[in-house]
Amino acid sequence: MSGFRSFSEFYPYYLSEHKDPVCRRLHYIGSTLVLAILATLAVTGLWGYWWLMLVAGYGFAWVGHFKFEHNKPATFKYPFYSLAADWVMYKDFLTGQLERKLQKLP
């Protein structure tokens, strides 16, 4: 993880790459779909369709970055930190903590 010694150092960078609210909304849609697909696969046992989670999660996020945020997704350079940060951002959004964290960014 060049440039970041910890996830706590990475997360503010990640948020700075998600300032556009439409981009963030697309991330939330993708994450919600991932959870719905995971639940469906768990109930039906149709695990051969696991790849739909990748399409939903990354598809919506990448549209947000290329069309609205106009930057490269952090996934390309920091895949593991980025995946974790996406779920933390989703949690921060759902718990009402995200706006405060965005306001602290330089």
N, C-alpha and C. Protein backbone atom coordinates (compact mmCIF):
# COMPACT_ATOMS: atom_id res chain seq x y z
N MET A 1 0.83 -1.18 0.00
CA MET A 1 0.00 0.00 0.00
C MET A 1 0.88 1.24 0.00
N SER A 2 1.51 1.52 -1.08
CA SER A 2 2.45 2.64 -1.14
C SER A 2 1.76 3.95 -0.75
N GLY A 3 2.44 4.71 0.11
CA GLY A 3 1.93 6.00 0.50
C GLY A 3 1.06 5.99 1.75
N PHE A 4 0.54 4.86 2.15
CA PHE A 4 -0.32 4.78 3.33
C PHE A 4 0.21 3.68 4.25
N ARG A 5 0.43 4.04 5.51
CA ARG A 5 0.92 3.06 6.47
C ARG A 5 -0.20 2.34 7.18
N SER A 6 -1.42 2.87 7.07
CA SER A 6 -2.55 2.26 7.77
C SER A 6 -3.85 2.63 7.08
N PHE A 7 -4.88 1.91 7.43
CA PHE A 7 -6.20 2.22 6.89
C PHE A 7 -6.67 3.60 7.35
N SER A 8 -6.35 3.96 8.59
CA SER A 8 -6.77 5.27 9.10
C SER A 8 -6.11 6.42 8.33
N GLU A 9 -4.96 6.18 7.76
CA GLU A 9 -4.34 7.19 6.89
C GLU A 9 -5.01 7.19 5.51
N PHE A 10 -5.43 6.03 5.06
CA PHE A 10 -6.02 5.90 3.74
C PHE A 10 -7.44 6.49 3.66
N TYR A 11 -8.23 6.29 4.70
CA TYR A 11 -9.66 6.63 4.63
C TYR A 11 -9.92 8.10 4.29
N PRO A 12 -9.22 9.07 4.87
CA PRO A 12 -9.45 10.46 4.44
C PRO A 12 -9.16 10.67 2.95
N TYR A 13 -8.11 10.03 2.46
CA TYR A 13 -7.83 10.11 1.01
C TYR A 13 -9.01 9.54 0.23
N TYR A 14 -9.50 8.39 0.67
CA TYR A 14 -10.63 7.74 -0.01
C TYR A 14 -11.83 8.69 -0.05
N LEU A 15 -12.14 9.30 1.09
CA LEU A 15 -13.28 10.23 1.12
C LEU A 15 -13.05 11.42 0.20
N SER A 16 -11.80 11.89 0.11
CA SER A 16 -11.51 13.02 -0.77
C SER A 16 -11.74 12.68 -2.24
N GLU A 17 -11.71 11.40 -2.56
CA GLU A 17 -11.97 10.95 -3.92
C GLU A 17 -13.47 10.70 -4.16
N HIS A 18 -14.29 11.02 -3.16
CA HIS A 18 -15.74 10.79 -3.24
C HIS A 18 -16.51 12.03 -2.79
N LYS A 19 -16.10 13.18 -3.26
CA LYS A 19 -16.76 14.42 -2.86
C LYS A 19 -18.08 14.65 -3.59
N ASP A 20 -18.22 14.09 -4.77
CA ASP A 20 -19.45 14.28 -5.54
C ASP A 20 -20.57 13.43 -4.94
N PRO A 21 -21.69 14.04 -4.56
CA PRO A 21 -22.77 13.28 -3.93
C PRO A 21 -23.40 12.23 -4.85
N VAL A 22 -23.41 12.46 -6.15
CA VAL A 22 -23.96 11.46 -7.07
C VAL A 22 -23.07 10.23 -7.09
N CYS A 23 -21.77 10.45 -7.10
CA CYS A 23 -20.83 9.34 -7.06
C CYS A 23 -21.06 8.51 -5.80
N ARG A 24 -21.20 9.19 -4.65
CA ARG A 24 -21.44 8.46 -3.40
C ARG A 24 -22.76 7.70 -3.45
N ARG A 25 -23.80 8.32 -4.00
CA ARG A 25 -25.09 7.62 -4.10
C ARG A 25 -24.97 6.36 -4.95
N LEU A 26 -24.22 6.44 -6.02
CA LEU A 26 -24.02 5.25 -6.86
C LEU A 26 -23.27 4.17 -6.08
N HIS A 27 -22.33 4.57 -5.25
CA HIS A 27 -21.65 3.60 -4.39
C HIS A 27 -22.65 2.93 -3.46
N TYR A 28 -23.54 3.72 -2.85
CA TYR A 28 -24.52 3.16 -1.92
C TYR A 28 -25.48 2.20 -2.63
N ILE A 29 -25.88 2.55 -3.83
CA ILE A 29 -26.75 1.66 -4.60
C ILE A 29 -26.03 0.35 -4.87
N GLY A 30 -24.79 0.43 -5.32
CA GLY A 30 -24.02 -0.78 -5.59
C GLY A 30 -23.82 -1.63 -4.35
N SER A 31 -23.50 -0.99 -3.22
CA SER A 31 -23.30 -1.74 -1.98
C SER A 31 -24.59 -2.40 -1.51
N THR A 32 -25.70 -1.69 -1.64
CA THR A 32 -26.99 -2.26 -1.26
C THR A 32 -27.33 -3.46 -2.14
N LEU A 33 -27.07 -3.33 -3.43
CA LEU A 33 -27.30 -4.45 -4.34
C LEU A 33 -26.41 -5.64 -4.00
N VAL A 34 -25.15 -5.38 -3.63
CA VAL A 34 -24.25 -6.47 -3.24
C VAL A 34 -24.85 -7.23 -2.06
N LEU A 35 -25.34 -6.51 -1.07
CA LEU A 35 -25.95 -7.17 0.09
C LEU A 35 -27.20 -7.96 -0.30
N ALA A 36 -28.01 -7.38 -1.18
CA ALA A 36 -29.22 -8.07 -1.64
C ALA A 36 -28.87 -9.33 -2.43
N ILE A 37 -27.88 -9.24 -3.28
CA ILE A 37 -27.45 -10.40 -4.06
C ILE A 37 -26.87 -11.47 -3.14
N LEU A 38 -26.07 -11.05 -2.17
CA LEU A 38 -25.50 -12.00 -1.22
C LEU A 38 -26.60 -12.73 -0.45
N ALA A 39 -27.59 -12.00 0.00
CA ALA A 39 -28.72 -12.62 0.71
C ALA A 39 -29.47 -13.59 -0.19
N THR A 40 -29.68 -13.18 -1.43
CA THR A 40 -30.38 -14.05 -2.39
C THR A 40 -29.59 -15.32 -2.65
N LEU A 41 -28.29 -15.19 -2.83
CA LEU A 41 -27.46 -16.37 -3.06
C LEU A 41 -27.46 -17.29 -1.85
N ALA A 42 -27.44 -16.71 -0.66
CA ALA A 42 -27.44 -17.52 0.56
C ALA A 42 -28.75 -18.29 0.69
N VAL A 43 -29.87 -17.66 0.32
CA VAL A 43 -31.18 -18.31 0.43
C VAL A 43 -31.36 -19.37 -0.67
N THR A 44 -30.94 -19.04 -1.88
CA THR A 44 -31.19 -19.94 -3.01
C THR A 44 -30.09 -20.98 -3.21
N GLY A 45 -28.90 -20.68 -2.71
CA GLY A 45 -27.77 -21.59 -2.92
C GLY A 45 -27.18 -21.52 -4.32
N LEU A 46 -27.55 -20.52 -5.08
CA LEU A 46 -27.06 -20.37 -6.45
C LEU A 46 -25.74 -19.61 -6.47
N TRP A 47 -24.72 -20.16 -5.83
CA TRP A 47 -23.44 -19.49 -5.67
C TRP A 47 -22.70 -19.27 -6.98
N GLY A 48 -23.12 -19.92 -8.04
CA GLY A 48 -22.50 -19.71 -9.34
C GLY A 48 -22.70 -18.29 -9.87
N TYR A 49 -23.60 -17.58 -9.23
CA TYR A 49 -23.87 -16.19 -9.64
C TYR A 49 -23.18 -15.17 -8.74
N TRP A 50 -22.15 -15.58 -8.02
CA TRP A 50 -21.42 -14.70 -7.12
C TRP A 50 -20.86 -13.46 -7.84
N TRP A 51 -20.54 -13.63 -9.11
CA TRP A 51 -19.94 -12.55 -9.90
C TRP A 51 -20.89 -11.35 -10.05
N LEU A 52 -22.18 -11.58 -9.84
CA LEU A 52 -23.13 -10.46 -9.91
C LEU A 52 -22.83 -9.41 -8.85
N MET A 53 -22.26 -9.86 -7.72
CA MET A 53 -21.88 -8.91 -6.68
C MET A 53 -20.78 -7.97 -7.18
N LEU A 54 -19.84 -8.50 -7.94
CA LEU A 54 -18.77 -7.67 -8.50
C LEU A 54 -19.32 -6.67 -9.51
N VAL A 55 -20.21 -7.14 -10.36
CA VAL A 55 -20.80 -6.27 -11.38
C VAL A 55 -21.59 -5.14 -10.71
N ALA A 56 -22.40 -5.50 -9.73
CA ALA A 56 -23.22 -4.48 -9.06
C ALA A 56 -22.35 -3.50 -8.26
N GLY A 57 -21.48 -4.04 -7.46
CA GLY A 57 -20.68 -3.18 -6.60
C GLY A 57 -19.73 -2.28 -7.37
N TYR A 58 -18.91 -2.88 -8.21
CA TYR A 58 -17.94 -2.09 -8.95
C TYR A 58 -18.57 -1.33 -10.11
N GLY A 59 -19.57 -1.88 -10.72
CA GLY A 59 -20.23 -1.22 -11.86
C GLY A 59 -20.78 0.15 -11.48
N PHE A 60 -21.58 0.19 -10.44
CA PHE A 60 -22.15 1.47 -10.02
C PHE A 60 -21.07 2.43 -9.56
N ALA A 61 -20.10 1.92 -8.79
CA ALA A 61 -19.03 2.79 -8.27
C ALA A 61 -18.22 3.39 -9.42
N TRP A 62 -17.85 2.58 -10.39
CA TRP A 62 -17.02 3.06 -11.47
C TRP A 62 -17.75 4.05 -12.36
N VAL A 63 -19.04 3.86 -12.57
CA VAL A 63 -19.82 4.86 -13.31
C VAL A 63 -19.76 6.18 -12.55
N GLY A 64 -19.90 6.12 -11.24
CA GLY A 64 -19.84 7.33 -10.43
C GLY A 64 -18.51 8.06 -10.58
N HIS A 65 -17.43 7.30 -10.62
CA HIS A 65 -16.12 7.93 -10.73
C HIS A 65 -15.87 8.50 -12.12
N PHE A 66 -16.15 7.73 -13.14
CA PHE A 66 -15.84 8.19 -14.49
C PHE A 66 -16.80 9.26 -14.99
N LYS A 67 -18.07 9.18 -14.62
CA LYS A 67 -19.07 10.11 -15.17
C LYS A 67 -19.28 11.34 -14.28
N PHE A 68 -19.15 11.19 -12.96
CA PHE A 68 -19.49 12.30 -12.07
C PHE A 68 -18.29 12.84 -11.29
N GLU A 69 -17.47 11.97 -10.76
CA GLU A 69 -16.32 12.42 -9.96
C GLU A 69 -15.14 12.79 -10.85
N HIS A 70 -15.08 12.20 -12.03
CA HIS A 70 -14.01 12.45 -13.00
C HIS A 70 -12.62 12.13 -12.45
N ASN A 71 -12.53 10.96 -11.81
CA ASN A 71 -11.23 10.48 -11.33
C ASN A 71 -11.19 8.96 -11.47
N LYS A 72 -10.02 8.40 -11.26
CA LYS A 72 -9.88 6.94 -11.32
C LYS A 72 -10.28 6.36 -9.97
N PRO A 73 -11.05 5.28 -9.98
CA PRO A 73 -11.40 4.64 -8.71
C PRO A 73 -10.15 4.22 -7.95
N ALA A 74 -10.18 4.40 -6.64
CA ALA A 74 -9.05 4.02 -5.79
C ALA A 74 -8.80 2.52 -5.85
N THR A 75 -9.79 1.77 -6.28
CA THR A 75 -9.66 0.31 -6.42
C THR A 75 -8.49 -0.07 -7.32
N PHE A 76 -8.22 0.73 -8.32
CA PHE A 76 -7.17 0.39 -9.27
C PHE A 76 -5.78 0.41 -8.63
N LYS A 77 -5.58 1.29 -7.66
CA LYS A 77 -4.27 1.42 -7.04
C LYS A 77 -4.21 0.78 -5.65
N TYR A 78 -5.33 0.81 -4.93
CA TYR A 78 -5.39 0.30 -3.55
C TYR A 78 -6.60 -0.63 -3.40
N PRO A 79 -6.57 -1.80 -4.00
CA PRO A 79 -7.78 -2.64 -4.05
C PRO A 79 -8.32 -3.07 -2.68
N PHE A 80 -7.46 -3.44 -1.75
CA PHE A 80 -7.96 -3.94 -0.47
C PHE A 80 -8.42 -2.81 0.44
N TYR A 81 -7.61 -1.76 0.54
CA TYR A 81 -8.03 -0.61 1.33
C TYR A 81 -9.31 0.00 0.76
N SER A 82 -9.39 0.05 -0.56
CA SER A 82 -10.55 0.64 -1.21
C SER A 82 -11.83 -0.14 -0.92
N LEU A 83 -11.74 -1.45 -0.98
CA LEU A 83 -12.91 -2.29 -0.68
C LEU A 83 -13.37 -2.06 0.75
N ALA A 84 -12.42 -2.06 1.68
CA ALA A 84 -12.77 -1.82 3.08
C ALA A 84 -13.35 -0.42 3.27
N ALA A 85 -12.74 0.56 2.63
CA ALA A 85 -13.19 1.95 2.78
C ALA A 85 -14.59 2.15 2.21
N ASP A 86 -14.93 1.42 1.17
CA ASP A 86 -16.27 1.54 0.60
C ASP A 86 -17.32 1.13 1.64
N TRP A 87 -17.04 0.06 2.36
CA TRP A 87 -17.99 -0.39 3.39
C TRP A 87 -18.00 0.53 4.59
N VAL A 88 -16.86 1.11 4.94
CA VAL A 88 -16.83 2.08 6.03
C VAL A 88 -17.60 3.33 5.63
N MET A 89 -17.43 3.79 4.39
CA MET A 89 -18.18 4.95 3.92
C MET A 89 -19.68 4.67 3.94
N TYR A 90 -20.08 3.48 3.55
CA TYR A 90 -21.48 3.08 3.56
C TYR A 90 -22.01 3.11 5.00
N LYS A 91 -21.22 2.55 5.93
CA LYS A 91 -21.60 2.57 7.35
C LYS A 91 -21.69 4.00 7.85
N ASP A 92 -20.71 4.84 7.49
CA ASP A 92 -20.74 6.23 7.93
C ASP A 92 -21.96 6.96 7.38
N PHE A 93 -22.34 6.67 6.16
CA PHE A 93 -23.54 7.26 5.57
C PHE A 93 -24.78 6.81 6.34
N LEU A 94 -24.90 5.51 6.57
CA LEU A 94 -26.09 4.98 7.24
C LEU A 94 -26.22 5.44 8.69
N THR A 95 -25.09 5.72 9.33
CA THR A 95 -25.12 6.14 10.73
C THR A 95 -25.06 7.66 10.91
N GLY A 96 -25.07 8.39 9.80
CA GLY A 96 -25.07 9.85 9.87
C GLY A 96 -23.73 10.49 10.21
N GLN A 97 -22.66 9.76 10.10
CA GLN A 97 -21.33 10.28 10.42
C GLN A 97 -20.58 10.84 9.21
N LEU A 98 -21.05 10.55 8.01
CA LEU A 98 -20.28 10.87 6.82
C LEU A 98 -20.11 12.36 6.59
N GLU A 99 -21.16 13.14 6.72
CA GLU A 99 -21.06 14.58 6.44
C GLU A 99 -20.02 15.25 7.33
N ARG A 100 -19.98 14.88 8.60
CA ARG A 100 -18.98 15.44 9.52
C ARG A 100 -17.57 15.09 9.06
N LYS A 101 -17.37 13.86 8.62
CA LYS A 101 -16.04 13.43 8.15
C LYS A 101 -15.67 14.12 6.85
N LEU A 102 -16.63 14.33 5.97
CA LEU A 102 -16.35 15.04 4.72
C LEU A 102 -15.99 16.50 4.98
N GLN A 103 -16.62 17.10 5.97
CA GLN A 103 -16.34 18.50 6.28
C GLN A 103 -14.94 18.70 6.86
N LYS A 104 -14.37 17.67 7.43
CA LYS A 104 -13.03 17.75 8.01
C LYS A 104 -11.92 17.65 6.95
N LEU A 105 -12.30 17.28 5.74
CA LEU A 105 -11.28 17.11 4.69
C LEU A 105 -10.71 18.46 4.28
N PRO A 106 -9.43 18.46 3.91
CA PRO A 106 -8.81 19.72 3.45
C PRO A 106 -9.39 20.17 2.12
